[in-house]
Amino acid sequence: MLASLAHTHPPSGVAVQLAAALDLFEGTFSSGYVEAGVAVPLPLGLTGVATVGYQATLRNPRVDVPSYLWWRIGLERGFGRGITATLGWVATDIARADCAPVPGRAEGGQRICAGRVLATLAWAF
C-alpha cells in the first residue's frame, strides 16, 4: 500500500510532502517519507531551489535498507513549452560502508551515495 499527501503554498514557494509505503517488496520492509522544499524567484529568470527529505525504513533482516536524510540545493530556469533546466548539489547522509554493499565486490560500500553535482533537463508534456 502506498499513500501520499502533498501541499504547495504558491506565494511563498514552500512545499511539503508526506508518504508512507507498507509491505514493500513482498513484505520485506515498510517505509515513511517526509520532504520539504522552497523555491525562491531570482533575477535573470532563475529560481533558487532547496529541498530536504527523510526516508525512514523499518529494517528487515532479509533486506538491509537504511533510513537516510537527503538534500539538494540549486538553480532552475524555465525555457517555455514545459522545458526546465536544473543545476545543483545533491547529497545523502548514508555512510559509504552502508551504501549498497555487495558481497564479493563492494563489501566496503559504494560511492553512489556521496554528494555530487546534478544537471537535469526536463520536458513536461
Protein backbone atom coordinates (compact mmCIF):
# COMPACT_ATOMS: atom_id res chain seq x y z
CA MET A 1 0.00 0.00 0.00
CA LEU A 2 1.24 3.47 -0.84
CA ALA A 3 -0.24 6.73 0.42
CA SER A 4 0.97 10.25 -0.29
CA LEU A 5 -0.08 13.76 0.68
CA ALA A 6 1.49 16.93 -0.77
CA HIS A 7 0.81 20.65 -0.43
CA THR A 8 2.41 23.66 -2.11
CA HIS A 9 1.88 27.21 -0.92
CA PRO A 10 2.30 29.21 -4.19
CA PRO A 11 3.02 32.73 -2.89
CA SER A 12 5.89 31.54 -0.66
CA GLY A 13 7.14 28.71 -2.86
CA VAL A 14 7.15 26.32 0.13
CA ALA A 15 6.14 22.69 -0.50
CA VAL A 16 5.67 19.76 1.90
CA GLN A 17 5.12 16.09 1.05
CA LEU A 18 4.39 13.09 3.27
CA ALA A 19 4.29 9.49 2.04
CA ALA A 20 4.03 6.00 3.53
CA ALA A 21 4.59 2.64 1.91
CA LEU A 22 3.65 -0.57 3.68
CA ASP A 23 4.57 -4.09 2.67
CA LEU A 24 7.20 -3.19 0.07
CA PHE A 25 8.97 -5.85 -1.99
CA GLU A 26 6.72 -8.72 -0.93
CA GLY A 27 6.67 -7.77 2.74
CA THR A 28 10.42 -7.29 3.22
CA PHE A 29 10.09 -3.78 4.71
CA SER A 30 7.88 -0.72 5.15
CA SER A 31 8.84 2.95 4.95
CA GLY A 32 7.76 6.52 5.56
CA TYR A 33 8.94 9.68 3.80
CA VAL A 34 8.74 13.38 4.54
CA GLU A 35 10.05 16.18 2.32
CA ALA A 36 10.07 19.97 2.47
CA GLY A 37 11.31 22.40 -0.12
CA VAL A 38 11.39 26.02 -1.10
CA ALA A 39 11.64 27.83 -4.44
CA VAL A 40 12.73 31.47 -4.50
CA PRO A 41 12.50 33.64 -7.65
CA LEU A 42 15.85 35.23 -8.59
CA PRO A 43 16.95 37.67 -11.32
CA LEU A 44 17.54 36.53 -14.92
CA GLY A 45 14.59 34.13 -14.85
CA LEU A 46 16.33 31.81 -12.37
CA THR A 47 14.75 30.13 -9.36
CA GLY A 48 16.75 29.09 -6.31
CA VAL A 49 15.59 25.71 -5.01
CA ALA A 50 16.35 23.80 -1.82
CA THR A 51 14.83 20.51 -0.67
CA VAL A 52 15.42 18.22 2.29
CA GLY A 53 13.84 14.78 2.70
CA TYR A 54 13.98 11.89 5.16
CA GLN A 55 13.32 8.27 4.19
CA ALA A 56 12.58 6.14 7.27
CA THR A 57 12.63 2.38 6.76
CA LEU A 58 11.60 -0.34 9.16
CA ARG A 59 14.51 -2.70 8.69
CA ASN A 60 14.09 -6.35 7.99
CA PRO A 61 16.96 -8.84 8.39
CA ARG A 62 16.40 -10.07 4.81
CA VAL A 63 16.75 -6.58 3.29
CA ASP A 64 19.23 -4.16 4.87
CA VAL A 65 17.85 -0.80 3.75
CA PRO A 66 19.00 2.13 5.93
CA SER A 67 16.97 5.20 6.83
CA TYR A 68 18.57 8.32 5.42
CA LEU A 69 18.43 12.09 5.03
CA TRP A 70 18.96 13.67 1.61
CA TRP A 71 19.15 17.27 0.42
CA ARG A 72 19.60 19.37 -2.68
CA ILE A 73 20.32 23.00 -3.40
CA GLY A 74 20.45 24.53 -6.84
CA LEU A 75 19.17 26.77 -9.59
CA GLU A 76 16.35 26.18 -12.06
CA ARG A 77 15.37 28.01 -15.21
CA GLY A 78 12.30 27.52 -17.37
CA PHE A 79 12.56 27.96 -21.14
CA GLY A 80 8.87 27.75 -22.05
CA ARG A 81 6.95 24.87 -23.65
CA GLY A 82 7.41 22.83 -20.47
CA ILE A 83 11.23 22.73 -20.64
CA THR A 84 13.17 23.29 -17.40
CA ALA A 85 16.92 23.03 -16.71
CA THR A 86 18.28 22.46 -13.20
CA LEU A 87 21.83 22.54 -11.85
CA GLY A 88 22.53 21.76 -8.22
CA TRP A 89 24.22 19.77 -5.47
CA VAL A 90 22.53 16.58 -4.21
CA ALA A 91 23.73 14.51 -1.23
CA THR A 92 22.72 12.00 1.45
CA ASP A 93 23.94 11.18 4.94
CA ILE A 94 24.48 7.49 4.06
CA ALA A 95 27.99 6.39 5.01
CA ARG A 96 29.99 4.69 2.25
CA ALA A 97 30.08 1.43 4.25
CA ASP A 98 26.24 1.41 4.33
CA CYS A 99 25.82 2.38 0.68
CA ALA A 100 24.73 -0.74 -1.22
CA PRO A 101 27.47 -3.14 -0.09
CA VAL A 102 27.81 -6.09 -2.49
CA PRO A 103 29.40 -9.31 -1.14
CA GLY A 104 32.49 -10.25 -3.11
CA ARG A 105 32.58 -6.95 -4.98
CA ALA A 106 31.93 -3.89 -2.80
CA GLU A 107 31.96 -5.05 0.83
CA GLY A 108 33.09 -1.56 1.92
CA GLY A 109 30.14 0.04 0.15
CA GLN A 110 29.89 2.19 -2.96
CA ARG A 111 30.33 5.87 -3.79
CA ILE A 112 26.85 6.29 -5.31
CA CYS A 113 25.51 7.76 -2.04
CA ALA A 114 28.12 10.55 -1.95
CA GLY A 115 27.24 14.14 -2.81
CA ARG A 116 27.52 15.26 -6.41
CA VAL A 117 26.61 17.93 -8.92
CA LEU A 118 23.49 17.02 -10.83
CA ALA A 119 22.26 18.69 -14.01
CA THR A 120 18.85 17.85 -15.45
CA LEU A 121 16.82 18.90 -18.44
CA ALA A 122 13.11 18.11 -18.12
CA TRP A 123 10.23 18.39 -20.54
CA ALA A 124 6.70 18.34 -19.10
CA PHE A 125 4.12 17.49 -21.76
